[in-house]
C-alpha atoms as a PDB file:
ATOM      1  CA  UNK A   1      -4.166 -33.155 -11.238  1.00  0.00           C
ATOM      2  CA  UNK A   2      -2.367 -32.382 -14.506  1.00  0.00           C
ATOM      3  CA  UNK A   3       0.868 -34.204 -13.572  1.00  0.00           C
ATOM      4  CA  UNK A   4       1.844 -37.154 -15.692  1.00  0.00           C
ATOM      5  CA  UNK A   5       3.454 -38.289 -18.936  1.00  0.00           C
ATOM      6  CA  UNK A   6       1.909 -36.915 -22.117  1.00  0.00           C
ATOM      7  CA  UNK A   7       2.387 -37.753 -25.787  1.00  0.00           C
ATOM      8  CA  UNK A   8       0.973 -36.036 -28.832  1.00  0.00           C
ATOM      9  CA  UNK A   9      -0.813 -38.343 -31.252  1.00  0.00           C
ATOM     10  CA  UNK A  10      -1.084 -37.002 -34.800  1.00  0.00           C
ATOM     11  CA  UNK A  11      -3.807 -37.715 -37.340  1.00  0.00           C
ATOM     12  CA  UNK A  12      -1.655 -40.180 -39.287  1.00  0.00           C
ATOM     13  CA  UNK A  13      -1.100 -42.376 -36.196  1.00  0.00           C
ATOM     14  CA  UNK A  14       2.389 -41.198 -35.370  1.00  0.00           C
ATOM     15  CA  UNK A  15       3.099 -40.056 -31.811  1.00  0.00           C
ATOM     16  CA  UNK A  16       5.683 -37.679 -30.420  1.00  0.00           C
ATOM     17  CA  UNK A  17       8.213 -38.504 -27.750  1.00  0.00           C
ATOM     18  CA  UNK A  18       6.758 -38.586 -24.224  1.00  0.00           C
ATOM     19  CA  UNK A  19       6.778 -35.434 -22.148  1.00  0.00           C
ATOM     20  CA  UNK A  20       6.679 -35.604 -18.373  1.00  0.00           C
ATOM     21  CA  UNK A  21       4.783 -32.745 -16.695  1.00  0.00           C
ATOM     22  CA  UNK A  22       5.312 -31.729 -13.069  1.00  0.00           C
ATOM     23  CA  UNK A  23       2.714 -29.201 -11.956  1.00  0.00           C
ATOM     24  CA  UNK A  24       2.471 -27.745  -8.492  1.00  0.00           C
ATOM     25  CA  UNK A  25      -0.680 -25.878  -7.527  1.00  0.00           C
ATOM     26  CA  UNK A  26      -0.546 -23.243  -4.836  1.00  0.00           C
ATOM     27  CA  UNK A  27      -3.453 -23.597  -2.417  1.00  0.00           C
ATOM     28  CA  UNK A  28      -3.210 -20.067  -0.958  1.00  0.00           C
ATOM     29  CA  UNK A  29      -2.252 -18.145  -4.104  1.00  0.00           C
ATOM     30  CA  UNK A  30      -4.404 -15.549  -5.826  1.00  0.00           C
ATOM     31  CA  UNK A  31      -4.102 -14.313  -9.371  1.00  0.00           C
ATOM     32  CA  UNK A  32      -3.201 -10.646  -9.582  1.00  0.00           C
ATOM     33  CA  UNK A  33      -3.894  -8.931 -12.872  1.00  0.00           C
ATOM     34  CA  UNK A  34      -3.563  -5.321 -14.037  1.00  0.00           C
ATOM     35  CA  UNK A  35      -7.039  -4.106 -12.915  1.00  0.00           C
ATOM     36  CA  UNK A  36      -6.468  -5.527  -9.442  1.00  0.00           C
ATOM     37  CA  UNK A  37      -3.093  -3.805  -9.087  1.00  0.00           C
ATOM     38  CA  UNK A  38      -4.471  -0.504 -10.386  1.00  0.00           C
ATOM     39  CA  UNK A  39      -7.399  -0.748  -7.949  1.00  0.00           C
ATOM     40  CA  UNK A  40      -5.012  -1.284  -5.050  1.00  0.00           C
ATOM     41  CA  UNK A  41      -2.890   1.699  -6.112  1.00  0.00           C
ATOM     42  CA  UNK A  42      -5.914   3.986  -6.520  1.00  0.00           C
ATOM     43  CA  UNK A  43      -7.325   2.918  -3.139  1.00  0.00           C
ATOM     44  CA  UNK A  44      -3.947   3.577  -1.518  1.00  0.00           C
ATOM     45  CA  UNK A  45      -3.724   7.072  -3.036  1.00  0.00           C
ATOM     46  CA  UNK A  46      -7.295   7.912  -1.972  1.00  0.00           C
ATOM     47  CA  UNK A  47      -6.641   6.663   1.563  1.00  0.00           C
ATOM     48  CA  UNK A  48      -3.427   8.687   1.779  1.00  0.00           C
ATOM     49  CA  UNK A  49      -5.178  11.876   0.601  1.00  0.00           C
ATOM     50  CA  UNK A  50      -8.041  11.283   3.051  1.00  0.00           C
ATOM     51  CA  UNK A  51      -5.573  10.809   5.911  1.00  0.00           C
ATOM     52  CA  UNK A  52      -3.636  13.954   4.937  1.00  0.00           C
ATOM     53  CA  UNK A  53      -6.844  16.042   4.837  1.00  0.00           C
ATOM     54  CA  UNK A  54      -7.936  14.647   8.208  1.00  0.00           C
ATOM     55  CA  UNK A  55      -4.584  15.493   9.802  1.00  0.00           C
ATOM     56  CA  UNK A  56      -4.700  18.984   8.260  1.00  0.00           C
ATOM     57  CA  UNK A  57      -8.205  19.606   9.589  1.00  0.00           C
ATOM     58  CA  UNK A  58      -7.380  18.352  13.080  1.00  0.00           C
ATOM     59  CA  UNK A  59      -4.204  20.401  13.386  1.00  0.00           C
ATOM     60  CA  UNK A  60      -5.907  23.468  11.899  1.00  0.00           C
ATOM     61  CA  UNK A  61      -8.499  23.488  14.700  1.00  0.00           C
ATOM     62  CA  UNK A  62      -5.862  23.734  17.440  1.00  0.00           C
ATOM     63  CA  UNK A  63      -4.695  27.165  16.214  1.00  0.00           C
ATOM     64  CA  UNK A  64      -7.896  28.873  17.357  1.00  0.00           C
ATOM     65  CA  UNK A  65      -7.746  27.400  20.870  1.00  0.00           C
ATOM     66  CA  UNK A  66      -4.488  29.082  21.910  1.00  0.00           C
ATOM     67  CA  UNK A  67      -4.935  31.745  24.541  1.00  0.00           C
ATOM     68  CA  UNK A  68      -3.827  35.311  24.032  1.00  0.00           C
ATOM     69  CA  UNK A  69      -1.552  35.024  27.059  1.00  0.00           C
ATOM     70  CA  UNK A  70       0.850  32.914  25.050  1.00  0.00           C
ATOM     71  CA  UNK A  71       1.563  35.919  22.808  1.00  0.00           C
ATOM     72  CA  UNK A  72       2.953  37.941  25.706  1.00  0.00           C
ATOM     73  CA  UNK A  73       6.550  37.625  26.714  1.00  0.00           C
ATOM     74  CA  UNK A  74       7.772  37.788  30.250  1.00  0.00           C
ATOM     75  CA  UNK A  75      10.542  40.370  30.134  1.00  0.00           C
ATOM     76  CA  UNK A  76      13.297  40.612  32.719  1.00  0.00           C
ATOM     77  CA  UNK A  77      13.722  43.986  34.395  1.00  0.00           C
ATOM     78  CA  UNK A  78      16.863  45.901  33.440  1.00  0.00           C
ATOM     79  CA  UNK A  79      18.204  45.725  37.004  1.00  0.00           C
ATOM     80  CA  UNK A  80      18.279  41.941  37.067  1.00  0.00           C
ATOM     81  CA  UNK A  81      21.142  40.015  35.571  1.00  0.00           C
ATOM     82  CA  UNK A  82      20.359  37.428  32.974  1.00  0.00           C
ATOM     83  CA  UNK A  83      22.222  34.231  33.658  1.00  0.00           C
END
């Protein structure tokens, strides 16, 4: 526990004025440095690209499963009125 009153004692015996230190430690905190942040960003980009490729592959497979009947249009005969 680094809290307390500190003074600096010099080699010639003189001391500085007292300095009171209040220090609060966070129990659940983690230290985040530049490599950690860059690792998180790179992992996020890789995960996003992987998800985009997976969605592209899944939606690309549905195109081949459509039946040919969906290409035909049901036309109304000329005698009938379109309402």
